[in-house]
Amino acid sequence: MKVGFTLPQFGGQAAQGAQIGRFAGAAEELGASGLWVADRLLVPVAPAAGYAGGAGFPPVFRRALDPLVVLAAAAVATTSIRLGTNVLSAPWYPPALLARTALSLDVISGGRFVLGLGVGWCAEEFAAVGVPPAERGDRLDECLEVLHQWWTAEPVQHTGKVSEIPPAHVDLKPHGIPLYLGAFSGRGLRRLTRWGAGWLPVVAAGQSLERVTRHWDALGRVPAVLRIAVPEGTSLDTISETLDAAAGAGFEEAFVELVHVADDVDAALDMVAAVLRRSA
């Protein structure tokens, strides 16, 4: 099974943002299959809903780097490894700007970019970008339509609730950016069937894969990249056992989150090396 990792983006790793290129190049040399980023805008002092069902947010998210900037830094420091978002909160972004940025990353990386999108969930983050949370599903749907237009049509044209693009020339086209979607609801699964090249499920290290595989079976086992969330204090044995279980369940690619188990870039690289040794 292919095994990837998160890039230095949060917490102590974010404070060492100048070393993103070093991390990316070293992870590629060690044999990682992919490098991934998430989307966290801010940490509310008194959140309406906590992270991952908890009461608040882990302090590590108080330091956060922009996901697409981090990927650009990794792109120029590597040559073959996949680079992806898991996931970008699509409703926060003007669709045309997101289409252009994704296209730019695809070109800079030589066609290695994977765009993973979701609807987002944190009410305070939606307030900060001026987007009503109730519109998030509709905005993601429209974003997907604009991405398709921007990347395939000539001229590009779109009329929707969020944006209007008059007939316009966009001559630069992508190598073929795979669109992966995080989806568990009925609407999300229908969206995936229409637009998605693949699925982005998540499981916590040490957790049963039963729920994930049940949904995957319902999707006809479309291509999938499994995100393995690793809580603070998780042992290397537990991470390795979860990777083994994922491979046994049929997953061909997964990535391991390093945000809660490595305070700096060197510790993150040590974890990359250790996990890859175990999964070889």
Protein backbone atom coordinates (compact mmCIF):
# COMPACT_ATOMS: atom_id res chain seq x y z
CA MET A 1 0.00 0.00 0.00
CA LYS A 2 1.17 3.53 -0.78
CA VAL A 3 1.72 5.60 2.36
CA GLY A 4 1.85 9.40 2.52
CA PHE A 5 2.01 12.04 5.24
CA THR A 6 0.87 15.52 6.14
CA LEU A 7 3.16 18.45 5.38
CA PRO A 8 4.41 20.83 8.11
CA GLN A 9 1.42 23.15 8.41
CA PHE A 10 0.27 23.42 12.02
CA GLY A 11 1.69 24.08 15.47
CA GLY A 12 5.42 23.86 16.00
CA GLN A 13 5.84 22.53 12.47
CA ALA A 14 4.15 25.67 11.09
CA ALA A 15 6.68 27.83 12.96
CA GLN A 16 9.32 26.12 10.81
CA GLY A 17 7.59 26.88 7.53
CA ALA A 18 10.91 27.72 5.88
CA GLN A 19 11.73 24.00 6.12
CA ILE A 20 8.72 22.75 4.15
CA GLY A 21 10.90 22.14 1.11
CA ARG A 22 13.44 20.17 3.15
CA PHE A 23 10.70 18.05 4.67
CA ALA A 24 9.04 17.40 1.31
CA GLY A 25 12.27 16.43 -0.42
CA ALA A 26 13.33 14.13 2.42
CA ALA A 27 9.90 12.45 2.59
CA GLU A 28 10.05 11.81 -1.15
CA GLU A 29 13.52 10.27 -0.80
CA LEU A 30 12.33 8.06 2.03
CA GLY A 31 9.61 6.66 -0.23
CA ALA A 32 6.44 8.47 0.84
CA SER A 33 3.74 8.34 -1.84
CA GLY A 34 1.99 11.63 -1.12
CA LEU A 35 2.10 14.87 0.84
CA TRP A 36 -1.15 16.35 2.11
CA VAL A 37 -2.53 19.51 3.68
CA ALA A 38 -5.73 20.45 5.51
CA ASP A 39 -7.72 23.69 5.74
CA ARG A 40 -7.91 25.48 9.09
CA LEU A 41 -8.50 29.24 9.09
CA LEU A 42 -8.75 30.04 12.81
CA VAL A 43 -9.41 28.64 16.27
CA PRO A 44 -12.48 30.22 17.94
CA VAL A 45 -12.12 31.13 21.62
CA ALA A 46 -15.65 29.88 22.34
CA PRO A 47 -16.62 27.59 19.44
CA ALA A 48 -20.23 26.71 18.70
CA ALA A 49 -18.98 23.19 17.98
CA GLY A 50 -15.65 21.66 18.92
CA TYR A 51 -13.15 19.84 16.74
CA ALA A 52 -13.88 16.16 16.03
CA GLY A 53 -16.81 16.17 18.43
CA GLY A 54 -14.83 17.55 21.35
CA ALA A 55 -15.51 20.61 23.47
CA GLY A 56 -12.89 22.84 21.85
CA PHE A 57 -9.95 22.85 19.46
CA PRO A 58 -6.48 21.37 19.99
CA PRO A 59 -4.05 24.26 20.64
CA VAL A 60 -1.85 23.03 17.79
CA PHE A 61 -4.29 24.60 15.28
CA ARG A 62 -3.66 28.09 16.63
CA ARG A 63 -0.65 28.21 14.32
CA ALA A 64 -1.69 27.45 10.76
CA LEU A 65 -0.17 28.00 7.34
CA ASP A 66 -2.18 28.42 4.15
CA PRO A 67 -2.64 24.97 2.58
CA LEU A 68 -2.12 26.00 -1.03
CA VAL A 69 1.00 28.02 -0.24
CA VAL A 70 2.41 25.01 1.63
CA LEU A 71 1.72 22.77 -1.36
CA ALA A 72 3.44 25.22 -3.72
CA ALA A 73 6.56 25.11 -1.54
CA ALA A 74 6.48 21.30 -1.59
CA ALA A 75 5.89 21.21 -5.34
CA VAL A 76 9.12 23.02 -6.21
CA ALA A 77 11.15 20.86 -3.80
CA THR A 78 10.01 17.49 -5.20
CA THR A 79 9.76 15.74 -8.55
CA SER A 80 7.45 12.73 -8.34
CA ILE A 81 5.42 12.60 -5.11
CA ARG A 82 1.67 13.31 -5.17
CA LEU A 83 0.50 16.56 -3.58
CA GLY A 84 -3.03 16.93 -2.30
CA THR A 85 -5.58 18.76 -0.18
CA ASN A 86 -7.64 16.74 2.30
CA VAL A 87 -9.77 18.64 2.42
CA LEU A 88 -10.07 22.21 1.23
CA SER A 89 -13.24 23.95 2.46
CA ALA A 90 -14.52 24.82 -0.99
CA PRO A 91 -17.38 27.18 0.06
CA TRP A 92 -14.85 29.66 1.50
CA TYR A 93 -13.30 30.38 -1.90
CA PRO A 94 -14.53 32.30 -4.96
CA PRO A 95 -14.80 29.44 -7.48
CA ALA A 96 -12.88 31.13 -10.30
CA LEU A 97 -9.96 31.99 -8.00
CA LEU A 98 -9.85 28.43 -6.68
CA ALA A 99 -9.91 27.10 -10.24
CA ARG A 100 -6.95 29.31 -11.18
CA THR A 101 -4.94 28.42 -8.06
CA ALA A 102 -5.53 24.70 -8.52
CA LEU A 103 -4.53 24.96 -12.17
CA SER A 104 -1.36 26.83 -11.19
CA LEU A 105 -0.41 24.11 -8.69
CA ASP A 106 -1.05 21.45 -11.29
CA VAL A 107 1.26 23.18 -13.78
CA ILE A 108 4.01 23.94 -11.23
CA SER A 109 3.99 20.35 -9.97
CA GLY A 110 3.95 18.79 -13.43
CA GLY A 111 0.53 17.21 -12.99
CA ARG A 112 0.99 15.82 -9.46
CA PHE A 113 -1.78 17.81 -7.76
CA VAL A 114 -4.89 16.18 -6.28
CA LEU A 115 -7.70 18.55 -5.26
CA GLY A 116 -9.68 17.20 -2.34
CA LEU A 117 -12.76 19.24 -1.43
CA GLY A 118 -15.31 19.31 1.37
CA VAL A 119 -18.07 21.58 2.63
CA GLY A 120 -16.43 22.71 5.89
CA TRP A 121 -18.20 22.83 9.26
CA CYS A 122 -16.87 25.50 11.67
CA ALA A 123 -19.42 28.33 12.01
CA GLU A 124 -16.81 30.86 13.12
CA GLU A 125 -14.65 30.21 10.07
CA PHE A 126 -17.64 30.71 7.79
CA ALA A 127 -18.39 34.01 9.56
CA ALA A 128 -14.80 35.13 9.05
CA VAL A 129 -15.01 34.66 5.27
CA GLY A 130 -18.54 36.08 5.00
CA VAL A 131 -20.22 32.88 3.83
CA PRO A 132 -23.51 31.66 5.40
CA PRO A 133 -23.01 28.06 6.57
CA ALA A 134 -26.47 27.15 5.29
CA GLU A 135 -25.24 27.78 1.74
CA ARG A 136 -22.21 25.54 1.95
CA GLY A 137 -23.64 22.59 0.02
CA ASP A 138 -24.95 24.77 -2.80
CA ARG A 139 -21.66 26.64 -2.95
CA LEU A 140 -19.67 23.42 -3.25
CA ASP A 141 -21.95 22.26 -6.06
CA GLU A 142 -21.44 25.52 -7.93
CA CYS A 143 -17.70 25.42 -7.29
CA LEU A 144 -17.51 22.00 -8.93
CA GLU A 145 -19.36 23.32 -11.98
CA VAL A 146 -16.96 26.27 -12.28
CA LEU A 147 -13.90 24.05 -11.91
CA HIS A 148 -15.16 21.86 -14.73
CA GLN A 149 -15.75 24.86 -16.97
CA TRP A 150 -12.42 26.52 -16.14
CA TRP A 151 -10.41 23.40 -16.80
CA THR A 152 -12.16 22.04 -19.88
CA ALA A 153 -14.13 24.69 -21.80
CA GLU A 154 -13.02 27.30 -24.30
CA PRO A 155 -14.37 29.86 -23.88
CA VAL A 156 -15.23 29.52 -20.19
CA GLN A 157 -18.73 30.64 -19.21
CA HIS A 158 -20.83 30.25 -16.07
CA THR A 159 -23.91 31.79 -14.49
CA GLY A 160 -24.79 30.81 -10.93
CA LYS A 161 -25.86 32.10 -7.53
CA VAL A 162 -22.32 32.73 -6.31
CA SER A 163 -20.53 33.89 -9.42
CA GLU A 164 -21.00 34.86 -13.03
CA ILE A 165 -18.27 34.34 -15.59
CA PRO A 166 -18.88 35.98 -18.95
CA PRO A 167 -17.48 34.19 -22.00
CA ALA A 168 -13.73 34.34 -21.37
CA HIS A 169 -10.50 32.82 -22.65
CA VAL A 170 -8.58 30.55 -20.28
CA ASP A 171 -6.05 28.95 -22.59
CA LEU A 172 -3.95 27.22 -19.91
CA LYS A 173 -5.52 23.87 -19.13
CA PRO A 174 -4.54 21.28 -16.49
CA HIS A 175 -2.87 17.93 -16.98
CA GLY A 176 -6.05 16.46 -15.53
CA ILE A 177 -6.53 17.34 -11.88
CA PRO A 178 -8.20 14.50 -9.98
CA LEU A 179 -11.10 15.76 -7.87
CA TYR A 180 -11.50 13.81 -4.65
CA LEU A 181 -14.38 14.50 -2.27
CA GLY A 182 -15.05 13.85 1.38
CA ALA A 183 -18.59 12.45 1.51
CA PHE A 184 -20.77 10.35 3.79
CA SER A 185 -24.24 11.91 3.42
CA GLY A 186 -26.70 11.11 0.64
CA ARG A 187 -26.11 14.44 -1.07
CA GLY A 188 -22.37 14.14 -0.68
CA LEU A 189 -22.34 10.68 -2.17
CA ARG A 190 -24.41 11.82 -5.14
CA ARG A 191 -21.96 14.69 -5.64
CA LEU A 192 -19.11 12.23 -5.58
CA THR A 193 -20.77 10.04 -8.18
CA ARG A 194 -21.16 13.00 -10.55
CA TRP A 195 -17.89 14.87 -10.11
CA GLY A 196 -15.39 12.88 -8.10
CA ALA A 197 -12.44 10.87 -9.32
CA GLY A 198 -12.13 9.44 -5.83
CA TRP A 199 -13.20 9.43 -2.19
CA LEU A 200 -11.51 10.77 0.97
CA PRO A 201 -12.58 8.75 4.01
CA VAL A 202 -11.02 9.16 7.46
CA VAL A 203 -10.38 6.83 10.36
CA ALA A 204 -8.58 7.40 13.66
CA ALA A 205 -5.52 5.26 14.32
CA GLY A 206 -6.64 2.20 16.25
CA GLN A 207 -10.28 2.62 15.23
CA SER A 208 -12.30 -0.02 13.40
CA LEU A 209 -12.55 0.37 9.62
CA GLU A 210 -16.02 -1.18 9.49
CA ARG A 211 -17.97 2.05 8.93
CA VAL A 212 -15.56 3.28 6.28
CA THR A 213 -15.52 0.02 4.34
CA ARG A 214 -19.33 -0.19 4.49
CA HIS A 215 -19.62 3.21 2.78
CA TRP A 216 -16.87 2.30 0.36
CA ASP A 217 -18.71 -0.84 -0.67
CA ALA A 218 -21.84 1.26 -1.29
CA LEU A 219 -19.76 3.49 -3.59
CA GLY A 220 -18.57 0.52 -5.61
CA ARG A 221 -15.05 0.83 -4.18
CA VAL A 222 -14.13 3.92 -6.17
CA PRO A 223 -10.48 5.07 -5.86
CA ALA A 224 -9.88 6.23 -2.30
CA VAL A 225 -7.16 7.79 -0.17
CA LEU A 226 -7.65 6.99 3.50
CA ARG A 227 -6.71 9.70 6.01
CA ILE A 228 -5.43 8.21 9.25
CA ALA A 229 -5.98 10.70 12.05
CA VAL A 230 -3.38 10.22 14.78
CA PRO A 231 -4.32 11.59 18.22
CA GLU A 232 -1.62 12.81 20.58
CA GLY A 233 0.08 9.94 22.37
CA THR A 234 -0.67 7.33 19.69
CA SER A 235 2.06 4.69 19.48
CA LEU A 236 3.93 3.72 16.34
CA ASP A 237 2.56 0.20 16.77
CA THR A 238 -1.02 1.51 16.61
CA ILE A 239 -0.28 3.52 13.46
CA SER A 240 1.31 0.49 11.81
CA GLU A 241 -1.57 -1.78 12.80
CA THR A 242 -4.06 0.67 11.30
CA LEU A 243 -2.10 0.81 8.05
CA ASP A 244 -1.99 -2.99 7.94
CA ALA A 245 -5.75 -3.14 8.54
CA ALA A 246 -6.34 -0.60 5.76
CA ALA A 247 -4.26 -2.64 3.34
CA GLY A 248 -6.16 -5.76 4.37
CA ALA A 249 -9.46 -3.96 3.74
CA GLY A 250 -8.36 -3.21 0.17
CA PHE A 251 -7.11 0.37 0.40
CA GLU A 252 -4.23 1.03 -1.97
CA GLU A 253 -3.29 4.45 -0.59
CA ALA A 254 -3.41 6.15 2.81
CA PHE A 255 -1.71 9.01 4.58
CA VAL A 256 -0.77 9.54 8.20
CA GLU A 257 -1.39 12.80 10.05
CA LEU A 258 1.67 14.07 11.89
CA VAL A 259 0.20 17.23 13.39
CA HIS A 260 -0.45 15.81 16.89
CA VAL A 261 2.61 13.54 17.20
CA ALA A 262 5.52 15.73 16.03
CA ASP A 263 6.36 19.15 17.45
CA ASP A 264 8.88 20.08 14.78
CA VAL A 265 10.04 19.16 11.30
CA ASP A 266 12.84 16.83 12.43
CA ALA A 267 10.46 14.88 14.67
CA ALA A 268 8.00 14.65 11.77
CA LEU A 269 10.71 13.25 9.48
CA ASP A 270 11.69 10.73 12.14
CA MET A 271 8.07 9.58 12.22
CA VAL A 272 7.95 9.36 8.42
CA ALA A 273 11.04 7.15 8.39
CA ALA A 274 9.75 4.93 11.20
CA VAL A 275 6.31 4.41 9.66
CA LEU A 276 7.76 3.64 6.23
CA ARG A 277 10.20 1.11 7.71
CA ARG A 278 7.30 -0.67 9.37
CA SER A 279 5.16 -0.67 6.22
CA ALA A 280 7.89 -1.80 3.83
